[in-house]
C-alpha atoms as a PDB file:
ATOM      1  CA  MET A   1     -31.266 -22.304 -15.608  1.00  0.00           C
ATOM      2  CA  GLU A   2     -31.202 -18.776 -17.566  1.00  0.00           C
ATOM      3  CA  ILE A   3     -29.978 -17.142 -14.384  1.00  0.00           C
ATOM      4  CA  LEU A   4     -26.977 -19.828 -14.043  1.00  0.00           C
ATOM      5  CA  ASN A   5     -26.330 -19.500 -17.656  1.00  0.00           C
ATOM      6  CA  ALA A   6     -26.158 -15.756 -17.196  1.00  0.00           C
ATOM      7  CA  ILE A   7     -23.648 -15.965 -13.989  1.00  0.00           C
ATOM      8  CA  PHE A   8     -21.384 -18.523 -15.193  1.00  0.00           C
ATOM      9  CA  VAL A   9     -21.394 -18.852 -18.997  1.00  0.00           C
ATOM     10  CA  ALA A  10     -22.378 -15.327 -20.929  1.00  0.00           C
ATOM     11  CA  PRO A  11     -19.261 -13.495 -18.846  1.00  0.00           C
ATOM     12  CA  PHE A  12     -16.691 -15.983 -20.183  1.00  0.00           C
ATOM     13  CA  VAL A  13     -18.488 -16.105 -23.691  1.00  0.00           C
ATOM     14  CA  ASP A  14     -17.979 -12.098 -23.483  1.00  0.00           C
ATOM     15  CA  MET A  15     -14.263 -12.609 -22.339  1.00  0.00           C
ATOM     16  CA  TRP A  16     -13.172 -14.534 -25.356  1.00  0.00           C
ATOM     17  CA  GLU A  17     -15.603 -12.928 -27.922  1.00  0.00           C
ATOM     18  CA  PHE A  18     -13.541  -9.408 -27.538  1.00  0.00           C
ATOM     19  CA  PRO A  19      -9.979 -10.871 -26.515  1.00  0.00           C
ATOM     20  CA  ALA A  20      -8.362  -7.256 -26.768  1.00  0.00           C
ATOM     21  CA  PHE A  21     -10.769  -5.756 -24.536  1.00  0.00           C
ATOM     22  CA  LEU A  22     -10.038  -8.397 -21.904  1.00  0.00           C
ATOM     23  CA  ILE A  23      -6.649  -7.853 -22.222  1.00  0.00           C
ATOM     24  CA  GLU A  24      -6.858  -4.180 -21.553  1.00  0.00           C
ATOM     25  CA  VAL A  25      -9.016  -4.584 -18.186  1.00  0.00           C
ATOM     26  CA  VAL A  26      -6.334  -6.984 -17.124  1.00  0.00           C
ATOM     27  CA  ILE A  27      -3.541  -4.780 -17.694  1.00  0.00           C
ATOM     28  CA  THR A  28      -5.348  -1.958 -16.263  1.00  0.00           C
ATOM     29  CA  GLY A  29      -6.012  -4.481 -13.228  1.00  0.00           C
ATOM     30  CA  LEU A  30      -2.579  -5.277 -13.191  1.00  0.00           C
ATOM     31  CA  LEU A  31      -1.698  -1.422 -13.120  1.00  0.00           C
ATOM     32  CA  THR A  32      -4.144  -0.428 -10.369  1.00  0.00           C
ATOM     33  CA  GLY A  33      -2.810  -3.499  -8.102  1.00  0.00           C
ATOM     34  CA  VAL A  34       0.791  -2.161  -8.209  1.00  0.00           C
ATOM     35  CA  MET A  35      -1.056   1.332  -6.745  1.00  0.00           C
ATOM     36  CA  TYR A  36      -2.435  -0.898  -4.091  1.00  0.00           C
ATOM     37  CA  SER A  37       0.833  -2.795  -3.210  1.00  0.00           C
ATOM     38  CA  LEU A  38       2.780   0.686  -2.733  1.00  0.00           C
ATOM     39  CA  VAL A  39       0.115   1.114   0.036  1.00  0.00           C
ATOM     40  CA  ALA A  40       0.497  -2.401   1.332  1.00  0.00           C
ATOM     41  CA  LEU A  41       3.968  -2.159   1.613  1.00  0.00           C
ATOM     42  CA  GLY A  42       4.416   0.451   4.069  1.00  0.00           C
ATOM     43  CA  PHE A  43       2.210  -1.729   6.366  1.00  0.00           C
ATOM     44  CA  VAL A  44       4.355  -5.122   5.702  1.00  0.00           C
ATOM     45  CA  LEU A  45       7.539  -2.805   6.504  1.00  0.00           C
ATOM     46  CA  ILE A  46       6.460  -1.853   9.828  1.00  0.00           C
ATOM     47  CA  PHE A  47       4.895  -5.189  10.685  1.00  0.00           C
ATOM     48  CA  LYS A  48       8.043  -7.225  10.011  1.00  0.00           C
ATOM     49  CA  ALA A  49      10.026  -4.856  12.223  1.00  0.00           C
ATOM     50  CA  SER A  50       7.612  -4.647  14.976  1.00  0.00           C
ATOM     51  CA  GLY A  51       5.140  -7.039  14.960  1.00  0.00           C
ATOM     52  CA  VAL A  52       2.480  -4.232  14.839  1.00  0.00           C
ATOM     53  CA  PHE A  53       0.019  -3.425  12.419  1.00  0.00           C
ATOM     54  CA  ASN A  54       0.650   0.164  11.515  1.00  0.00           C
ATOM     55  CA  PHE A  55      -3.280   1.746  11.203  1.00  0.00           C
ATOM     56  CA  SER A  56      -1.759   5.063  10.463  1.00  0.00           C
ATOM     57  CA  GLN A  57      -0.159   3.816   7.277  1.00  0.00           C
ATOM     58  CA  GLY A  58      -3.037   5.592   5.159  1.00  0.00           C
ATOM     59  CA  VAL A  59      -2.782   8.853   6.891  1.00  0.00           C
ATOM     60  CA  MET A  60       1.066   8.675   6.065  1.00  0.00           C
ATOM     61  CA  VAL A  61       0.414   8.418   2.223  1.00  0.00           C
ATOM     62  CA  LEU A  62      -1.931  11.623   2.355  1.00  0.00           C
ATOM     63  CA  PHE A  63       0.366  13.425   4.917  1.00  0.00           C
ATOM     64  CA  ALA A  64       3.362  13.040   2.447  1.00  0.00           C
ATOM     65  CA  ALA A  65       1.192  14.044  -0.739  1.00  0.00           C
ATOM     66  CA  LEU A  66      -0.158  17.107   1.203  1.00  0.00           C
ATOM     67  CA  THR A  67       3.567  18.097   2.164  1.00  0.00           C
ATOM     68  CA  LEU A  68       4.792  17.621  -1.302  1.00  0.00           C
ATOM     69  CA  VAL A  69       1.926  19.509  -2.998  1.00  0.00           C
ATOM     70  CA  GLY A  70       2.050  22.286  -0.239  1.00  0.00           C
ATOM     71  CA  LEU A  71       5.414  23.011  -1.093  1.00  0.00           C
ATOM     72  CA  MET A  72       4.931  23.076  -4.985  1.00  0.00           C
ATOM     73  CA  GLU A  73       2.096  25.378  -4.072  1.00  0.00           C
ATOM     74  CA  LYS A  74       4.584  27.607  -2.448  1.00  0.00           C
ATOM     75  CA  GLY A  75       6.941  27.635  -5.409  1.00  0.00           C
ATOM     76  CA  VAL A  76       9.185  25.050  -4.486  1.00  0.00           C
ATOM     77  CA  PRO A  77      10.765  23.236  -7.797  1.00  0.00           C
ATOM     78  CA  VAL A  78       9.430  19.740  -8.128  1.00  0.00           C
ATOM     79  CA  TRP A  79      12.841  17.896  -7.084  1.00  0.00           C
ATOM     80  CA  ILE A  80      13.623  19.984  -4.423  1.00  0.00           C
ATOM     81  CA  ALA A  81      10.269  19.463  -3.205  1.00  0.00           C
ATOM     82  CA  LEU A  82      10.671  15.848  -3.415  1.00  0.00           C
ATOM     83  CA  ILE A  83      13.783  15.886  -1.136  1.00  0.00           C
ATOM     84  CA  LEU A  84      12.020  17.988   1.354  1.00  0.00           C
ATOM     85  CA  THR A  85       8.988  15.834   1.545  1.00  0.00           C
ATOM     86  CA  MET A  86      11.674  12.664   2.283  1.00  0.00           C
ATOM     87  CA  LEU A  87      13.129  14.686   4.767  1.00  0.00           C
ATOM     88  CA  VAL A  88      10.072  15.330   6.311  1.00  0.00           C
ATOM     89  CA  MET A  89       8.898  11.699   6.433  1.00  0.00           C
ATOM     90  CA  ILE A  90      12.404  10.765   8.008  1.00  0.00           C
ATOM     91  CA  ALA A  91      11.860  13.356  10.621  1.00  0.00           C
ATOM     92  CA  LEU A  92       8.624  12.195  11.187  1.00  0.00           C
ATOM     93  CA  ALA A  93      10.016   8.523  11.793  1.00  0.00           C
ATOM     94  CA  PHE A  94      12.396  10.030  14.338  1.00  0.00           C
ATOM     95  CA  ALA A  95       9.399  11.784  16.112  1.00  0.00           C
ATOM     96  CA  VAL A  96       7.328   8.680  16.328  1.00  0.00           C
ATOM     97  CA  GLU A  97      10.114   6.519  17.732  1.00  0.00           C
ATOM     98  CA  ARG A  98      10.889   9.015  20.556  1.00  0.00           C
ATOM     99  CA  ALA A  99       7.760  10.284  21.186  1.00  0.00           C
ATOM    100  CA  MET A 100       5.493   6.997  20.469  1.00  0.00           C
ATOM    101  CA  LEU A 101       7.915   3.850  20.389  1.00  0.00           C
ATOM    102  CA  ARG A 102      10.465   4.454  22.948  1.00  0.00           C
ATOM    103  CA  PRO A 103       8.061   4.478  25.977  1.00  0.00           C
ATOM    104  CA  LEU A 104       5.797   1.455  24.527  1.00  0.00           C
ATOM    105  CA  VAL A 105       9.144  -0.778  24.137  1.00  0.00           C
ATOM    106  CA  ASN A 106       8.121  -4.292  24.933  1.00  0.00           C
ATOM    107  CA  GLN A 107       4.212  -3.653  25.607  1.00  0.00           C
ATOM    108  CA  ASP A 108       1.594  -5.804  24.218  1.00  0.00           C
ATOM    109  CA  PRO A 109       1.007  -5.411  20.449  1.00  0.00           C
ATOM    110  CA  ILE A 110      -2.662  -4.176  20.808  1.00  0.00           C
ATOM    111  CA  ILE A 111      -1.179  -1.250  23.130  1.00  0.00           C
ATOM    112  CA  LEU A 112       1.058  -0.163  19.771  1.00  0.00           C
ATOM    113  CA  PHE A 113      -1.991  -0.827  17.548  1.00  0.00           C
ATOM    114  CA  MET A 114      -4.127   1.653  19.445  1.00  0.00           C
ATOM    115  CA  ALA A 115      -0.904   4.380  19.658  1.00  0.00           C
ATOM    116  CA  THR A 116      -1.190   4.338  15.515  1.00  0.00           C
ATOM    117  CA  ILE A 117      -4.451   4.846  15.674  1.00  0.00           C
ATOM    118  CA  GLY A 118      -3.688   8.233  17.892  1.00  0.00           C
ATOM    119  CA  LEU A 119      -1.124   9.006  15.381  1.00  0.00           C
ATOM    120  CA  THR A 120      -3.560   8.474  12.569  1.00  0.00           C
ATOM    121  CA  PHE A 121      -5.746  11.412  13.932  1.00  0.00           C
ATOM    122  CA  PHE A 122      -2.650  13.463  14.823  1.00  0.00           C
ATOM    123  CA  LEU A 123      -1.532  13.140  11.380  1.00  0.00           C
ATOM    124  CA  GLU A 124      -4.656  13.960   9.827  1.00  0.00           C
ATOM    125  CA  GLY A 125      -5.389  17.009  11.704  1.00  0.00           C
ATOM    126  CA  PHE A 126      -1.962  18.273  11.412  1.00  0.00           C
ATOM    127  CA  GLY A 127      -1.836  18.072   8.019  1.00  0.00           C
ATOM    128  CA  GLU A 128      -5.031  19.926   7.703  1.00  0.00           C
ATOM    129  CA  THR A 129      -3.524  22.625   9.735  1.00  0.00           C
ATOM    130  CA  LEU A 130      -0.548  23.037   7.999  1.00  0.00           C
ATOM    131  CA  TRP A 131      -1.959  22.707   4.486  1.00  0.00           C
ATOM    132  CA  GLY A 132      -5.743  22.936   4.527  1.00  0.00           C
ATOM    133  CA  SER A 133      -8.476  20.805   3.583  1.00  0.00           C
ATOM    134  CA  ASN A 134      -9.216  21.442   0.045  1.00  0.00           C
ATOM    135  CA  VAL A 135      -8.450  19.177  -2.983  1.00  0.00           C
ATOM    136  CA  LYS A 136      -5.434  19.868  -4.496  1.00  0.00           C
ATOM    137  CA  ARG A 137      -4.128  19.268  -7.913  1.00  0.00           C
ATOM    138  CA  LEU A 138      -0.610  17.027  -8.022  1.00  0.00           C
ATOM    139  CA  ASP A 139       1.479  17.606 -11.255  1.00  0.00           C
ATOM    140  CA  VAL A 140       4.974  16.159 -10.781  1.00  0.00           C
ATOM    141  CA  GLY A 141       5.813  16.037 -14.490  1.00  0.00           C
ATOM    142  CA  ILE A 142       4.238  12.187 -15.174  1.00  0.00           C
ATOM    143  CA  PRO A 143       2.537  12.098 -18.572  1.00  0.00           C
ATOM    144  CA  ASN A 144      -1.036  11.052 -18.504  1.00  0.00           C
ATOM    145  CA  GLU A 145      -1.613  10.259 -22.207  1.00  0.00           C
ATOM    146  CA  SER A 146      -3.326   7.104 -23.535  1.00  0.00           C
ATOM    147  CA  PHE A 147      -2.021   5.268 -27.022  1.00  0.00           C
ATOM    148  CA  GLU A 148      -3.064   2.187 -28.316  1.00  0.00           C
ATOM    149  CA  ILE A 149      -1.029  -0.999 -29.218  1.00  0.00           C
ATOM    150  CA  HIS A 150      -2.880  -3.919 -31.446  1.00  0.00           C
ATOM    151  CA  GLY A 151      -6.152  -2.482 -30.090  1.00  0.00           C
ATOM    152  CA  VAL A 152      -5.325  -2.494 -26.546  1.00  0.00           C
ATOM    153  CA  LEU A 153      -5.808   0.915 -24.994  1.00  0.00           C
ATOM    154  CA  LEU A 154      -3.073   1.705 -22.454  1.00  0.00           C
ATOM    155  CA  ASN A 155      -1.705   4.859 -20.404  1.00  0.00           C
ATOM    156  CA  GLN A 156       1.506   6.155 -19.801  1.00  0.00           C
ATOM    157  CA  PHE A 157       0.861   7.151 -16.013  1.00  0.00           C
ATOM    158  CA  ASP A 158      -0.252   3.687 -15.336  1.00  0.00           C
ATOM    159  CA  LEU A 159       2.877   2.067 -16.646  1.00  0.00           C
ATOM    160  CA  PHE A 160       5.072   4.899 -15.137  1.00  0.00           C
ATOM    161  CA  ALA A 161       3.509   3.980 -11.935  1.00  0.00           C
ATOM    162  CA  ALA A 162       4.073   0.137 -12.239  1.00  0.00           C
ATOM    163  CA  ALA A 163       7.523   0.687 -13.252  1.00  0.00           C
ATOM    164  CA  ILE A 164       8.155   2.539 -10.045  1.00  0.00           C
ATOM    165  CA  GLY A 165       6.319   0.244  -7.765  1.00  0.00           C
ATOM    166  CA  ALA A 166       8.269  -2.871  -9.622  1.00  0.00           C
ATOM    167  CA  VAL A 167      11.677  -0.781  -8.862  1.00  0.00           C
ATOM    168  CA  LEU A 168      10.803  -0.239  -5.414  1.00  0.00           C
ATOM    169  CA  VAL A 169       9.576  -3.827  -4.642  1.00  0.00           C
ATOM    170  CA  GLY A 170      12.764  -5.010  -5.866  1.00  0.00           C
ATOM    171  CA  GLY A 171      14.778  -2.651  -3.847  1.00  0.00           C
ATOM    172  CA  LEU A 172      12.939  -3.673  -0.704  1.00  0.00           C
ATOM    173  CA  ALA A 173      13.150  -7.289  -1.417  1.00  0.00           C
ATOM    174  CA  VAL A 174      17.470  -7.140  -1.542  1.00  0.00           C
ATOM    175  CA  PHE A 175      17.160  -4.919   1.383  1.00  0.00           C
ATOM    176  CA  PHE A 176      15.259  -7.281   3.606  1.00  0.00           C
ATOM    177  CA  HIS A 177      16.950 -10.556   2.553  1.00  0.00           C
ATOM    178  CA  LYS A 178      20.916  -9.647   1.554  1.00  0.00           C
ATOM    179  CA  THR A 179      21.714  -6.921   3.946  1.00  0.00           C
ATOM    180  CA  PRO A 180      22.770  -6.881   7.697  1.00  0.00           C
ATOM    181  CA  VAL A 181      20.020  -4.067   8.426  1.00  0.00           C
ATOM    182  CA  GLY A 182      17.187  -6.495   6.928  1.00  0.00           C
ATOM    183  CA  ARG A 183      18.137  -9.248   8.825  1.00  0.00           C
ATOM    184  CA  ALA A 184      18.220  -7.067  12.106  1.00  0.00           C
ATOM    185  CA  LEU A 185      14.739  -5.784  11.054  1.00  0.00           C
ATOM    186  CA  ARG A 186      13.403  -9.769  10.878  1.00  0.00           C
ATOM    187  CA  ALA A 187      15.370 -10.739  14.179  1.00  0.00           C
ATOM    188  CA  VAL A 188      13.555  -7.414  16.191  1.00  0.00           C
ATOM    189  CA  ALA A 189      10.295  -8.541  14.752  1.00  0.00           C
ATOM    190  CA  ASP A 190      10.447 -12.139  15.816  1.00  0.00           C
ATOM    191  CA  ASP A 191      11.464 -11.388  19.596  1.00  0.00           C
ATOM    192  CA  HIS A 192      12.198  -7.605  20.777  1.00  0.00           C
ATOM    193  CA  GLN A 193      14.200  -8.810  24.038  1.00  0.00           C
ATOM    194  CA  ALA A 194      16.232 -11.268  22.254  1.00  0.00           C
ATOM    195  CA  ALA A 195      17.482  -8.892  19.380  1.00  0.00           C
ATOM    196  CA  MET A 196      18.292  -6.478  22.107  1.00  0.00           C
ATOM    197  CA  SER A 197      20.333  -9.075  24.125  1.00  0.00           C
ATOM    198  CA  VAL A 198      22.608  -9.732  21.037  1.00  0.00           C
ATOM    199  CA  GLY A 199      23.482  -6.138  20.368  1.00  0.00           C
ATOM    200  CA  ILE A 200      20.801  -5.281  18.093  1.00  0.00           C
ATOM    201  CA  PRO A 201      19.741  -1.564  18.494  1.00  0.00           C
ATOM    202  CA  LEU A 202      15.828  -1.542  18.529  1.00  0.00           C
ATOM    203  CA  ARG A 203      15.448   2.093  18.766  1.00  0.00           C
ATOM    204  CA  THR A 204      17.688   2.485  15.562  1.00  0.00           C
ATOM    205  CA  ILE A 205      15.999  -0.375  13.726  1.00  0.00           C
ATOM    206  CA  TRP A 206      12.553   1.420  14.271  1.00  0.00           C
ATOM    207  CA  ILE A 207      13.729   4.669  12.950  1.00  0.00           C
ATOM    208  CA  ILE A 208      14.962   2.916   9.932  1.00  0.00           C
ATOM    209  CA  VAL A 209      11.866   0.872   9.122  1.00  0.00           C
ATOM    210  CA  TRP A 210       9.740   4.058  10.001  1.00  0.00           C
ATOM    211  CA  SER A 211      11.661   5.922   7.705  1.00  0.00           C
ATOM    212  CA  VAL A 212      11.663   3.570   4.786  1.00  0.00           C
ATOM    213  CA  ALA A 213       7.935   3.155   5.171  1.00  0.00           C
ATOM    214  CA  GLY A 214       7.688   7.015   5.234  1.00  0.00           C
ATOM    215  CA  VAL A 215       9.377   6.763   1.821  1.00  0.00           C
ATOM    216  CA  VAL A 216       7.298   4.120   0.456  1.00  0.00           C
ATOM    217  CA  ALA A 217       4.223   6.242   1.742  1.00  0.00           C
ATOM    218  CA  MET A 218       5.825   9.280  -0.019  1.00  0.00           C
ATOM    219  CA  VAL A 219       5.953   7.370  -3.541  1.00  0.00           C
ATOM    220  CA  ALA A 220       2.562   5.849  -2.709  1.00  0.00           C
ATOM    221  CA  GLY A 221       1.232   9.370  -2.236  1.00  0.00           C
ATOM    222  CA  ILE A 222       2.510  10.659  -5.309  1.00  0.00           C
ATOM    223  CA  MET A 223       1.159   8.184  -7.477  1.00  0.00           C
ATOM    224  CA  TRP A 224      -2.484   8.457  -5.815  1.00  0.00           C
ATOM    225  CA  GLY A 225      -2.434  12.195  -5.182  1.00  0.00           C
ATOM    226  CA  ALA A 226      -1.270  12.692  -9.548  1.00  0.00           C
ATOM    227  CA  LYS A 227      -3.892  10.094 -10.350  1.00  0.00           C
ATOM    228  CA  SER A 228      -7.052  11.464  -8.335  1.00  0.00           C
ATOM    229  CA  GLY A 229      -6.205  14.433  -6.584  1.00  0.00           C
ATOM    230  CA  VAL A 230      -4.663  15.171  -3.070  1.00  0.00           C
ATOM    231  CA  GLN A 231      -7.653  15.145  -0.900  1.00  0.00           C
ATOM    232  CA  PHE A 232      -8.298  13.832   2.546  1.00  0.00           C
ATOM    233  CA  SER A 233     -10.255  10.650   1.473  1.00  0.00           C
ATOM    234  CA  LEU A 234      -6.637   9.627  -0.045  1.00  0.00           C
ATOM    235  CA  SER A 235      -6.396   8.185   3.520  1.00  0.00           C
ATOM    236  CA  LEU A 236      -8.991   5.992   2.784  1.00  0.00           C
ATOM    237  CA  ILE A 237      -6.906   3.883   0.527  1.00  0.00           C
ATOM    238  CA  ALA A 238      -5.359   2.157   3.467  1.00  0.00           C
ATOM    239  CA  LEU A 239      -8.623  -0.064   3.715  1.00  0.00           C
ATOM    240  CA  LYS A 240      -8.142  -1.047   0.296  1.00  0.00           C
ATOM    241  CA  ALA A 241      -4.587  -2.275   1.229  1.00  0.00           C
ATOM    242  CA  LEU A 242      -6.178  -4.538   3.974  1.00  0.00           C
ATOM    243  CA  PRO A 243      -7.297  -7.396   1.449  1.00  0.00           C
ATOM    244  CA  VAL A 244      -4.035  -7.114  -0.117  1.00  0.00           C
ATOM    245  CA  LEU A 245      -2.336  -7.969   2.968  1.00  0.00           C
ATOM    246  CA  ILE A 246      -4.548 -10.793   3.808  1.00  0.00           C
ATOM    247  CA  LEU A 247      -4.239 -12.309   0.312  1.00  0.00           C
ATOM    248  CA  GLY A 248      -0.450 -11.807   0.381  1.00  0.00           C
ATOM    249  CA  GLY A 249       0.632 -12.091   3.916  1.00  0.00           C
ATOM    250  CA  PHE A 250       1.705  -9.638   6.762  1.00  0.00           C
ATOM    251  CA  THR A 251       5.437 -10.129   6.764  1.00  0.00           C
ATOM    252  CA  SER A 252       5.950 -10.782   2.546  1.00  0.00           C
ATOM    253  CA  VAL A 253       7.197  -8.034   0.740  1.00  0.00           C
ATOM    254  CA  PRO A 254       6.684 -10.002  -2.561  1.00  0.00           C
ATOM    255  CA  GLY A 255       3.366 -11.080  -1.065  1.00  0.00           C
ATOM    256  CA  ALA A 256       2.563  -7.453  -0.878  1.00  0.00           C
ATOM    257  CA  ILE A 257       2.901  -7.003  -4.827  1.00  0.00           C
ATOM    258  CA  ILE A 258       1.409 -10.212  -5.897  1.00  0.00           C
ATOM    259  CA  GLY A 259      -1.654  -9.564  -3.381  1.00  0.00           C
ATOM    260  CA  GLY A 260      -1.991  -6.399  -4.880  1.00  0.00           C
ATOM    261  CA  LEU A 261      -1.829  -7.456  -8.464  1.00  0.00           C
ATOM    262  CA  ILE A 262      -4.812 -10.344  -7.677  1.00  0.00           C
ATOM    263  CA  ILE A 263      -7.070  -7.541  -6.357  1.00  0.00           C
ATOM    264  CA  GLY A 264      -6.440  -4.916  -8.949  1.00  0.00           C
ATOM    265  CA  VAL A 265      -7.188  -7.550 -11.711  1.00  0.00           C
ATOM    266  CA  GLY A 266      -9.899  -9.370  -9.856  1.00  0.00           C
ATOM    267  CA  GLU A 267     -11.797  -6.174  -9.110  1.00  0.00           C
ATOM    268  CA  LYS A 268     -11.501  -4.779 -12.649  1.00  0.00           C
ATOM    269  CA  VAL A 269     -12.530  -8.250 -14.243  1.00  0.00           C
ATOM    270  CA  ALA A 270     -15.483  -8.753 -11.809  1.00  0.00           C
ATOM    271  CA  GLU A 271     -16.930  -5.200 -12.470  1.00  0.00           C
ATOM    272  CA  ILE A 272     -16.667  -5.237 -16.111  1.00  0.00           C
ATOM    273  CA  TYR A 273     -17.939  -8.799 -16.822  1.00  0.00           C
ATOM    274  CA  TRP A 274     -20.272  -9.739 -13.727  1.00  0.00           C
ATOM    275  CA  GLY A 275     -21.112  -6.424 -12.580  1.00  0.00           C
ATOM    276  CA  PRO A 276     -24.005  -5.520 -14.923  1.00  0.00           C
ATOM    277  CA  LEU A 277     -25.823  -8.745 -13.331  1.00  0.00           C
ATOM    278  CA  VAL A 278     -26.022  -7.187  -9.880  1.00  0.00           C
ATOM    279  CA  GLY A 279     -26.331  -3.506 -10.908  1.00  0.00           C
ATOM    280  CA  GLY A 280     -22.721  -2.646 -10.815  1.00  0.00           C
ATOM    281  CA  ALA A 281     -20.216  -1.468  -7.855  1.00  0.00           C
ATOM    282  CA  ILE A 282     -18.685  -4.904  -7.388  1.00  0.00           C
ATOM    283  CA  GLU A 283     -15.456  -3.340  -7.716  1.00  0.00           C
ATOM    284  CA  ASN A 284     -16.133  -1.596  -4.298  1.00  0.00           C
ATOM    285  CA  TRP A 285     -16.573  -4.742  -2.200  1.00  0.00           C
ATOM    286  CA  PHE A 286     -15.076  -7.891  -4.496  1.00  0.00           C
ATOM    287  CA  ALA A 287     -11.803  -7.265  -2.707  1.00  0.00           C
ATOM    288  CA  TYR A 288     -12.949  -7.913   0.865  1.00  0.00           C
ATOM    289  CA  VAL A 289     -15.297 -10.781  -0.413  1.00  0.00           C
ATOM    290  CA  LEU A 290     -11.821 -12.469  -1.788  1.00  0.00           C
ATOM    291  CA  ALA A 291     -10.075 -11.692   1.650  1.00  0.00           C
ATOM    292  CA  LEU A 292     -12.953 -13.300   3.417  1.00  0.00           C
ATOM    293  CA  ALA A 293     -12.418 -16.169   1.602  1.00  0.00           C
ATOM    294  CA  PHE A 294      -8.863 -16.157   2.206  1.00  0.00           C
ATOM    295  CA  LEU A 295      -9.279 -16.045   5.625  1.00  0.00           C
ATOM    296  CA  VAL A 296     -11.111 -19.127   5.931  1.00  0.00           C
ATOM    297  CA  PHE A 297      -8.897 -21.083   3.893  1.00  0.00           C
ATOM    298  CA  ARG A 298      -5.517 -20.013   4.287  1.00  0.00           C
ATOM    299  CA  PRO A 299      -5.592 -17.299   7.226  1.00  0.00           C
ATOM    300  CA  GLN A 300      -1.899 -16.441   6.531  1.00  0.00           C
ATOM    301  CA  GLY A 301      -2.029 -15.238   3.251  1.00  0.00           C
ATOM    302  CA  LEU A 302      -0.106 -16.626   0.120  1.00  0.00           C
ATOM    303  CA  PHE A 303       3.264 -16.097   1.528  1.00  0.00           C
ATOM    304  CA  GLY A 304       2.592 -15.567   5.047  1.00  0.00           C
ATOM    305  CA  GLU A 305       4.126 -17.525   7.713  1.00  0.00           C
ATOM    306  CA  LYS A 306       2.193 -20.131   9.477  1.00  0.00           C
ATOM    307  CA  ILE A 307       2.123 -19.497  13.110  1.00  0.00           C
ATOM    308  CA  ILE A 308       1.668 -22.544  15.538  1.00  0.00           C
ATOM    309  CA  GLU A 309       1.105 -21.948  19.294  1.00  0.00           C
ATOM    310  CA  ARG A 310       1.539 -24.740  21.447  1.00  0.00           C
ATOM    311  CA  VAL A 311      -0.027 -24.922  25.035  1.00  0.00           C
END
């Protein structure tokens, strides 16, 4: 009885006994969730356009951050470095289309997936060759001071990152659903051959979507790099994006942001209120347990399309 009370009753008592602290934990989780969503968005973009899970998205985040901080270390002003980094990510999209995607048109998705694994190792080694492997501090002028409102402690950097993420998600949602290019992207994802038969240029579409995913990776790299430093472990943030995709759905831009918010809040609340019962570190694995539950009961995610195969 005491064990059940400790698990199911005591944490909720603590929540309502200190409501200001609970609000602070939830807000922190929401802001962290936006950061997860920025990484997940890159996966969604490429999956919607090609039906392939881009294993290299995490390394694209790292490569963009390394490029930006490397240019800034060489004395390039921050705004010029941002523009140059964006151009580098677009150039990377052209190179990926020419060297990797074009020869693999109409191949099985598993082949393209394996190609993205190879791209992961290439970008990681290429980034280390260009910019070195030391941990780098990234400062793009975003304030990082904390302030208090009615007993709730907030951080300026987290609020700025959340605002950037909201603008990015809104822009991408409009792009996919209201523009001819966005509709072409969805057509290509459904059927490459059918899309080409009606005049949709597959190669151009892939360049566009990889360019957009590269810019999203750059934004995510800036946010995560400025928060925790630019280091090669940054590429592992892609692993935390997997539960976000499972919850939101691999084909939904809004799902990426909703899934990120659920994961962010869930892991913070679990760590604070249930972590002491098991010795802590719930934050490291809570997202994967939640994703496993979704795979059992709703494998397509909250906003994903249910796939029905008739035999």
